[in-house]
Amino acid sequence: MKLKKIRSKIIKLIGRITGCYNYGKNNKVIVIKNGKPRKRIFMPKGLTVEFEGDNGTLTIEKPLRFDNTLIDFEGDDAEFQIKSSSNPVRSAKFYLNDNTKISIGKNSQMRASNLVVVANSFYKEPVIISIGDNVYIARDVLIRASDGHTIIDATTKEPLNPPANITIEDNVWIGSKAVILKGVHIPKGSIVGACSLVNKKFDEENVVIAGVPAKIIKHNTTWDKRGYGNYRRNEYDLKYNEV
């Protein structure tokens, strides 16, 4: 018992210094810079990592900045990958259970606060949350691949609500306070309206998805990260002034 307490104190001390609290075994952090992967002990400024299980892997591609962000490996054999971006990851929390993976593509924006992403396991089958390139996520968004608790058939005792993968393709804009649940697929170029509850797969690209539960409310759309005034000034008005 004393040895466990001493070990815990040492881990916490190292964690405060390095930003990485490693309670398990065979966990590793890899930082890719200029295409070259290197193992790291010290985390980038603004990032805290907790390895509560074994055999976890965190891969970060620079340049990438963090601000008040947590990546928590709650189980074994979990993997987190994030590619480079000019936008900081701010006030975000990522949780990975046994045999799960979260991957985030290049140039995605998560600089608004209170993003929560939860990858819960499907027992022995892997569960993956995949976020593509150039995905913009607004404030207070929740993405989770399970219901958290288990619904059980009272007769057979079989669980009825298993976790499922989530796929968010490239160039998607997710509005503030949206909730993305298990089994969701959001196609390229789509927009998810603020406060929407997305709980099913969509196949058509370049649509606006909104509502509770969410449905397609507009087809053949796209979006631009610039505000309305800048877009009109730089693109729309210029185009029609030339005609």
Protein backbone atom coordinates (compact mmCIF):
# COMPACT_ATOMS: atom_id res chain seq x y z
CA MET A 1 0.00 0.00 0.00
CA LYS A 2 2.79 2.42 0.87
CA LEU A 3 4.58 1.64 -2.40
CA LYS A 4 1.40 2.40 -4.35
CA LYS A 5 1.02 5.74 -2.60
CA ILE A 6 4.66 6.60 -3.24
CA ARG A 7 4.33 5.59 -6.91
CA SER A 8 1.19 7.70 -7.26
CA LYS A 9 2.92 10.72 -5.75
CA ILE A 10 5.90 10.30 -8.10
CA ILE A 11 3.60 10.02 -11.15
CA LYS A 12 1.73 13.17 -10.12
CA LEU A 13 4.98 15.05 -9.59
CA ILE A 14 6.31 14.00 -13.00
CA GLY A 15 2.92 14.87 -14.51
CA ARG A 16 3.00 18.40 -13.12
CA ILE A 17 6.45 18.87 -14.63
CA THR A 18 5.92 17.21 -18.03
CA GLY A 19 2.17 17.54 -18.56
CA CYS A 20 1.89 13.74 -18.89
CA TYR A 21 0.45 11.57 -16.10
CA ASN A 22 1.39 7.99 -16.96
CA TYR A 23 -0.27 5.49 -14.59
CA GLY A 24 -0.03 2.57 -17.04
CA LYS A 25 2.57 0.67 -19.05
CA ASN A 26 3.90 0.85 -22.61
CA ASN A 27 2.27 4.19 -23.33
CA LYS A 28 3.95 6.59 -25.73
CA VAL A 29 3.71 10.11 -27.07
CA ILE A 30 4.99 10.78 -30.59
CA VAL A 31 5.43 14.29 -31.98
CA ILE A 32 5.91 14.59 -35.75
CA LYS A 33 7.94 17.61 -36.85
CA ASN A 34 9.02 18.14 -40.45
CA GLY A 35 7.80 14.64 -41.22
CA LYS A 36 10.03 13.04 -38.59
CA PRO A 37 8.40 11.25 -35.62
CA ARG A 38 10.05 11.55 -32.22
CA LYS A 39 9.03 10.26 -28.82
CA ARG A 40 8.33 12.98 -26.28
CA ILE A 41 8.28 13.19 -22.50
CA PHE A 42 7.26 16.83 -22.17
CA MET A 43 3.84 17.74 -23.60
CA PRO A 44 3.26 20.87 -25.69
CA LYS A 45 2.27 23.90 -23.64
CA GLY A 46 -1.45 23.95 -22.83
CA LEU A 47 -1.93 20.16 -23.18
CA THR A 48 -2.38 17.65 -20.37
CA VAL A 49 -2.31 13.91 -21.11
CA GLU A 50 -3.39 11.14 -18.75
CA PHE A 51 -2.64 7.48 -19.42
CA GLU A 52 -4.79 5.45 -17.03
CA GLY A 53 -4.45 2.22 -19.04
CA ASP A 54 -1.73 0.42 -20.98
CA ASN A 55 -0.46 0.48 -24.60
CA GLY A 56 -1.85 3.90 -25.46
CA THR A 57 -0.45 6.01 -28.29
CA LEU A 58 -0.74 9.76 -28.79
CA THR A 59 0.53 11.19 -32.09
CA ILE A 60 0.72 14.96 -32.62
CA GLU A 61 1.83 16.61 -35.86
CA LYS A 62 3.40 20.04 -35.56
CA PRO A 63 2.76 22.92 -35.92
CA LEU A 64 -0.12 22.68 -33.47
CA ARG A 65 -0.98 24.68 -30.36
CA PHE A 66 -3.06 23.79 -27.31
CA ASP A 67 -4.78 25.81 -24.63
CA ASN A 68 -6.33 24.16 -21.54
CA THR A 69 -6.85 20.83 -23.35
CA LEU A 70 -7.04 17.32 -21.87
CA ILE A 71 -6.54 13.97 -23.60
CA ASP A 72 -7.49 11.16 -21.20
CA PHE A 73 -6.66 7.54 -22.10
CA GLU A 74 -9.07 5.84 -19.70
CA GLY A 75 -8.51 2.30 -21.04
CA ASP A 76 -6.01 0.02 -22.76
CA ASP A 77 -4.92 -0.03 -26.43
CA ALA A 78 -6.32 3.40 -27.25
CA GLU A 79 -5.00 5.72 -29.93
CA PHE A 80 -5.27 9.46 -30.53
CA GLN A 81 -3.96 11.16 -33.67
CA ILE A 82 -4.14 14.84 -34.58
CA LYS A 83 -2.58 16.55 -37.59
CA SER A 84 -1.17 20.05 -37.86
CA SER A 85 -3.28 23.20 -37.86
CA SER A 86 -2.79 26.95 -37.63
CA ASN A 87 -5.73 27.02 -35.22
CA PRO A 88 -5.22 26.18 -31.53
CA VAL A 89 -7.14 23.41 -29.78
CA ARG A 90 -8.72 25.32 -26.92
CA SER A 91 -10.58 24.13 -23.80
CA ALA A 92 -11.26 20.69 -25.28
CA LYS A 93 -11.56 17.34 -23.52
CA PHE A 94 -11.03 13.99 -25.24
CA TYR A 95 -11.75 10.65 -23.53
CA LEU A 96 -10.72 7.25 -24.91
CA ASN A 97 -11.76 3.90 -23.47
CA ASP A 98 -10.40 0.41 -24.25
CA ASN A 99 -9.56 -0.25 -27.90
CA THR A 100 -10.79 3.10 -29.20
CA LYS A 101 -9.35 5.67 -31.59
CA ILE A 102 -9.85 9.37 -32.19
CA SER A 103 -8.32 10.88 -35.33
CA ILE A 104 -8.43 14.54 -36.35
CA GLY A 105 -7.34 15.76 -39.77
CA LYS A 106 -5.30 18.69 -40.99
CA ASN A 107 -6.24 22.35 -40.47
CA SER A 108 -9.28 21.63 -38.33
CA GLN A 109 -10.47 24.35 -35.98
CA MET A 110 -11.38 23.65 -32.35
CA ARG A 111 -10.49 26.99 -30.83
CA ALA A 112 -13.90 27.68 -29.27
CA SER A 113 -14.37 26.44 -25.72
CA ASN A 114 -15.94 23.37 -24.13
CA LEU A 115 -15.62 20.75 -26.86
CA VAL A 116 -16.07 17.22 -25.44
CA VAL A 117 -15.28 14.09 -27.49
CA VAL A 118 -15.93 10.65 -25.95
CA ALA A 119 -14.89 7.33 -27.53
CA ASN A 120 -16.31 4.39 -25.56
CA SER A 121 -15.46 0.82 -26.46
CA PHE A 122 -17.57 -1.89 -28.08
CA TYR A 123 -16.09 -4.50 -25.73
CA LYS A 124 -13.59 -6.26 -28.04
CA GLU A 125 -14.40 -4.45 -31.29
CA PRO A 126 -12.65 -1.12 -32.01
CA VAL A 127 -14.65 2.11 -31.95
CA ILE A 128 -13.37 5.02 -34.04
CA ILE A 129 -14.23 8.71 -34.08
CA SER A 130 -12.84 10.18 -37.30
CA ILE A 131 -12.80 13.94 -37.91
CA GLY A 132 -11.53 14.99 -41.34
CA ASP A 133 -9.50 17.91 -42.71
CA ASN A 134 -10.70 21.51 -42.40
CA VAL A 135 -13.49 20.71 -39.93
CA TYR A 136 -14.65 23.77 -37.97
CA ILE A 137 -16.24 23.06 -34.59
CA ALA A 138 -17.96 25.87 -32.70
CA ARG A 139 -18.48 26.37 -28.97
CA ASP A 140 -20.01 23.76 -26.59
CA VAL A 141 -20.16 20.82 -29.01
CA LEU A 142 -20.48 17.23 -27.75
CA ILE A 143 -19.35 14.25 -29.84
CA ARG A 144 -19.77 10.80 -28.29
CA ALA A 145 -19.73 7.27 -29.69
CA SER A 146 -21.87 5.70 -26.96
CA ASP A 147 -24.84 6.43 -24.72
CA GLY A 148 -22.72 6.32 -21.58
CA HIS A 149 -24.97 3.83 -19.78
CA THR A 150 -26.28 0.48 -20.99
CA ILE A 151 -29.88 -0.32 -21.96
CA ILE A 152 -30.55 -4.02 -21.28
CA ASP A 153 -33.25 -6.44 -22.41
CA ALA A 154 -34.94 -7.40 -19.13
CA THR A 155 -35.50 -11.00 -20.27
CA THR A 156 -32.32 -11.94 -22.10
CA LYS A 157 -30.00 -9.51 -20.28
CA GLU A 158 -28.48 -8.61 -23.66
CA PRO A 159 -27.25 -5.03 -24.06
CA LEU A 160 -29.32 -3.12 -26.63
CA ASN A 161 -27.36 0.06 -27.28
CA PRO A 162 -23.79 -0.75 -28.36
CA PRO A 163 -21.36 2.07 -29.25
CA ALA A 164 -20.79 2.83 -32.93
CA ASN A 165 -18.25 4.71 -35.06
CA ILE A 166 -18.62 8.40 -35.89
CA THR A 167 -17.31 9.84 -39.16
CA ILE A 168 -17.15 13.55 -39.89
CA GLU A 169 -15.73 14.10 -43.38
CA ASP A 170 -13.64 16.99 -44.73
CA ASN A 171 -14.78 20.62 -44.78
CA VAL A 172 -17.65 20.28 -42.31
CA TRP A 173 -18.87 23.14 -40.11
CA ILE A 174 -20.50 22.15 -36.81
CA GLY A 175 -22.51 24.88 -35.14
CA SER A 176 -22.53 25.81 -31.48
CA LYS A 177 -24.07 23.39 -28.93
CA ALA A 178 -24.60 20.64 -31.50
CA VAL A 179 -24.62 17.05 -30.24
CA ILE A 180 -23.16 14.32 -32.49
CA LEU A 181 -24.08 10.80 -31.34
CA LYS A 182 -22.98 7.22 -32.11
CA GLY A 183 -23.28 5.89 -35.65
CA VAL A 184 -23.35 9.33 -37.25
CA HIS A 185 -21.85 10.04 -40.67
CA ILE A 186 -21.63 13.66 -41.84
CA PRO A 187 -20.58 14.00 -45.51
CA LYS A 188 -18.12 16.46 -47.05
CA GLY A 189 -18.95 20.14 -47.22
CA SER A 190 -21.94 19.90 -44.89
CA ILE A 191 -23.13 22.30 -42.19
CA VAL A 192 -24.63 21.19 -38.86
CA GLY A 193 -26.93 23.81 -37.39
CA ALA A 194 -26.50 25.17 -33.87
CA CYS A 195 -28.21 23.17 -31.09
CA SER A 196 -28.89 20.25 -33.45
CA LEU A 197 -29.06 16.62 -32.31
CA VAL A 198 -27.48 14.41 -34.98
CA ASN A 199 -28.20 10.71 -34.40
CA LYS A 200 -28.09 9.02 -37.82
CA LYS A 201 -26.06 8.69 -41.01
CA PHE A 202 -26.32 11.12 -43.91
CA ASP A 203 -25.00 10.35 -47.39
CA GLU A 204 -25.56 13.51 -49.45
CA GLU A 205 -22.68 15.99 -49.54
CA ASN A 206 -22.99 19.79 -49.26
CA VAL A 207 -26.17 19.93 -47.23
CA VAL A 208 -27.39 21.80 -44.16
CA ILE A 209 -28.36 19.42 -41.36
CA ALA A 210 -30.37 20.86 -38.47
CA GLY A 211 -33.05 20.14 -35.90
CA VAL A 212 -33.87 17.75 -33.05
CA PRO A 213 -33.43 15.13 -34.33
CA ALA A 214 -31.45 16.58 -37.24
CA LYS A 215 -32.57 16.26 -40.85
CA ILE A 216 -31.51 17.82 -44.16
CA ILE A 217 -33.09 21.25 -44.47
CA LYS A 218 -31.13 22.59 -47.47
CA HIS A 219 -29.32 20.99 -50.41
CA ASN A 220 -26.47 22.12 -52.68
CA THR A 221 -24.73 24.40 -50.19
CA THR A 222 -21.17 25.15 -49.22
CA TRP A 223 -19.56 27.46 -46.68
CA ASP A 224 -16.60 29.78 -46.12
CA LYS A 225 -14.73 30.46 -42.89
CA ARG A 226 -14.82 34.21 -43.52
CA GLY A 227 -17.62 36.27 -42.02
CA TYR A 228 -20.47 37.48 -44.22
CA GLY A 229 -19.09 40.99 -44.72
CA ASN A 230 -15.62 39.83 -45.70
CA TYR A 231 -17.02 37.24 -48.08
CA ARG A 232 -19.22 39.80 -49.83
CA ARG A 233 -16.35 42.25 -50.03
CA ASN A 234 -13.77 39.78 -51.30
CA GLU A 235 -15.71 37.31 -53.40
CA TYR A 236 -19.37 37.90 -54.15
CA ASP A 237 -19.35 41.63 -54.90
CA LEU A 238 -16.10 41.36 -56.84
CA LYS A 239 -17.56 38.66 -59.03
CA TYR A 240 -20.66 40.63 -59.96
CA ASN A 241 -18.85 43.95 -60.34
CA GLU A 242 -16.79 42.32 -63.08
CA VAL A 243 -19.88 41.27 -65.04
